[in-house]
């Protein structure tokens, strides 16, 4: 989760287009970065806690992945009526996964891919850890 925190910190600091177009969205990136840091701290400080492992290692990462849907909706619909804006899967893929400059992406193109990969690794390791804890407990 520390890696995901670093990526979200990078996004919050360097996505200048987003902070100018949607200050609220930019502030949400900061909140997500802080929650990532808190989750990482709990995973490091309380590695044996089933509760914290479940929340910080499984629940929060799943919420984080879900927040990417909101990210795509709000980012690709800036300046338009959100009720009439409906980004296609292709638009979302180009913006979020490929980091397309055609979609006004100004960050490293692999930013979100790396974050998604790290979050998936955290989920897998947390599930494995909880499974091993249950088997030995």
Protein backbone atom coordinates (compact mmCIF):
# COMPACT_ATOMS: atom_id res chain seq x y z
CA UNK A 1 0.00 0.00 0.00
CA UNK A 2 2.97 2.32 0.41
CA UNK A 3 3.56 2.03 -3.33
CA UNK A 4 -0.07 2.92 -4.03
CA UNK A 5 0.29 5.86 -1.63
CA UNK A 6 3.36 7.06 -3.55
CA UNK A 7 1.49 6.81 -6.85
CA UNK A 8 -1.50 8.74 -5.51
CA UNK A 9 0.82 11.34 -4.02
CA UNK A 10 2.43 11.68 -7.46
CA UNK A 11 -1.02 12.08 -9.06
CA UNK A 12 -2.11 14.65 -6.48
CA UNK A 13 1.08 16.70 -6.91
CA UNK A 14 1.54 16.57 -10.66
CA UNK A 15 -1.89 16.34 -12.30
CA UNK A 16 -2.07 20.09 -12.79
CA UNK A 17 -4.86 19.88 -15.39
CA UNK A 18 -7.09 18.13 -12.90
CA UNK A 19 -6.48 20.59 -10.08
CA UNK A 20 -7.37 23.47 -12.41
CA UNK A 21 -10.44 21.83 -13.94
CA UNK A 22 -11.85 20.13 -10.87
CA UNK A 23 -10.49 21.20 -7.46
CA UNK A 24 -12.88 18.79 -5.72
CA UNK A 25 -11.52 15.85 -7.72
CA UNK A 26 -8.00 16.97 -6.92
CA UNK A 27 -8.84 17.08 -3.21
CA UNK A 28 -10.31 13.59 -3.42
CA UNK A 29 -6.96 12.37 -4.79
CA UNK A 30 -5.32 13.77 -1.64
CA UNK A 31 -7.86 12.00 0.57
CA UNK A 32 -7.26 8.73 -1.26
CA UNK A 33 -3.50 9.16 -0.81
CA UNK A 34 -3.97 9.71 2.93
CA UNK A 35 -6.20 6.63 3.27
CA UNK A 36 -3.60 4.62 1.34
CA UNK A 37 -0.95 5.73 3.83
CA UNK A 38 -3.16 4.86 6.82
CA UNK A 39 -3.90 1.43 5.32
CA UNK A 40 -0.18 0.84 4.76
CA UNK A 41 0.62 1.82 8.34
CA UNK A 42 -2.01 -0.57 9.72
CA UNK A 43 -0.71 -3.40 7.53
CA UNK A 44 2.83 -2.76 8.81
CA UNK A 45 2.01 -2.09 12.46
CA UNK A 46 -0.72 -4.71 12.96
CA UNK A 47 0.25 -7.54 10.59
CA UNK A 48 -1.35 -10.21 12.80
CA UNK A 49 -4.69 -8.42 13.16
CA UNK A 50 -7.38 -10.13 11.11
CA UNK A 51 -9.59 -7.05 11.33
CA UNK A 52 -6.99 -4.59 10.05
CA UNK A 53 -5.71 -7.02 7.44
CA UNK A 54 -9.27 -7.40 6.19
CA UNK A 55 -9.99 -3.67 6.06
CA UNK A 56 -6.59 -2.31 5.01
CA UNK A 57 -5.62 -5.22 2.78
CA UNK A 58 -8.91 -6.21 1.16
CA UNK A 59 -11.79 -3.78 1.72
CA UNK A 60 -9.90 -0.54 1.08
CA UNK A 61 -8.11 -1.86 -2.04
CA UNK A 62 -11.46 -2.96 -3.50
CA UNK A 63 -12.96 0.46 -2.71
CA UNK A 64 -9.89 2.02 -4.32
CA UNK A 65 -10.44 0.03 -7.51
CA UNK A 66 -14.09 1.07 -7.49
CA UNK A 67 -13.06 4.69 -7.11
CA UNK A 68 -11.28 4.44 -10.45
CA UNK A 69 -14.71 4.15 -12.09
CA UNK A 70 -15.69 7.45 -10.48
CA UNK A 71 -12.34 8.88 -11.56
CA UNK A 72 -13.02 8.00 -15.20
CA UNK A 73 -16.58 9.35 -15.06
CA UNK A 74 -15.63 12.67 -13.49
CA UNK A 75 -12.39 13.21 -15.41
CA UNK A 76 -13.76 12.43 -18.85
CA UNK A 77 -16.94 14.41 -18.21
CA UNK A 78 -15.32 17.64 -16.99
CA UNK A 79 -16.87 20.60 -18.72
CA UNK A 80 -19.90 18.64 -19.92
CA UNK A 81 -23.22 17.74 -18.43
CA UNK A 82 -22.56 14.62 -16.37
CA UNK A 83 -26.09 13.36 -17.02
CA UNK A 84 -25.42 13.32 -20.77
CA UNK A 85 -21.79 12.25 -20.52
CA UNK A 86 -21.19 8.54 -20.85
CA UNK A 87 -17.55 7.58 -21.48
CA UNK A 88 -17.13 4.39 -23.45
CA UNK A 89 -15.00 1.52 -22.25
CA UNK A 90 -12.52 2.48 -24.95
CA UNK A 91 -12.36 6.09 -23.65
CA UNK A 92 -11.86 4.85 -20.11
CA UNK A 93 -9.17 2.39 -21.20
CA UNK A 94 -7.34 5.08 -23.19
CA UNK A 95 -7.46 7.53 -20.30
CA UNK A 96 -6.92 5.32 -17.29
CA UNK A 97 -4.88 2.35 -18.47
CA UNK A 98 -2.99 3.71 -21.45
CA UNK A 99 -2.57 7.23 -20.05
CA UNK A 100 -3.42 8.71 -23.44
CA UNK A 101 -2.37 12.32 -23.97
CA UNK A 102 -5.40 12.60 -26.30
CA UNK A 103 -7.48 12.33 -23.11
CA UNK A 104 -5.46 15.17 -21.47
CA UNK A 105 -3.31 12.75 -19.47
CA UNK A 106 -0.22 14.60 -18.25
CA UNK A 107 1.33 11.96 -16.00
CA UNK A 108 3.56 8.95 -16.63
CA UNK A 109 1.46 6.67 -18.88
CA UNK A 110 1.89 3.62 -16.63
CA UNK A 111 0.80 5.38 -13.43
CA UNK A 112 -2.61 3.77 -12.99
CA UNK A 113 -1.50 0.38 -14.36
CA UNK A 114 1.16 0.24 -11.67
CA UNK A 115 -1.32 1.31 -8.96
CA UNK A 116 -3.84 -1.34 -10.06
CA UNK A 117 -1.10 -3.98 -10.11
CA UNK A 118 0.07 -3.05 -6.61
CA UNK A 119 -3.49 -3.05 -5.27
CA UNK A 120 -4.14 -6.50 -6.74
CA UNK A 121 -0.92 -7.77 -5.14
CA UNK A 122 -2.00 -6.33 -1.76
CA UNK A 123 -5.39 -8.06 -2.07
CA UNK A 124 -3.82 -11.40 -3.02
CA UNK A 125 -1.23 -11.26 -0.23
CA UNK A 126 -3.87 -10.25 2.33
CA UNK A 127 -6.20 -13.07 1.31
CA UNK A 128 -3.31 -15.55 1.43
CA UNK A 129 -2.27 -14.25 4.84
CA UNK A 130 -5.81 -14.48 6.19
CA UNK A 131 -6.16 -18.00 4.78
CA UNK A 132 -2.88 -19.09 6.40
CA UNK A 133 -3.88 -17.42 9.66
CA UNK A 134 -7.20 -19.29 9.65
CA UNK A 135 -5.52 -22.60 8.78
CA UNK A 136 -2.99 -22.29 11.61
CA UNK A 137 -5.31 -20.55 14.09
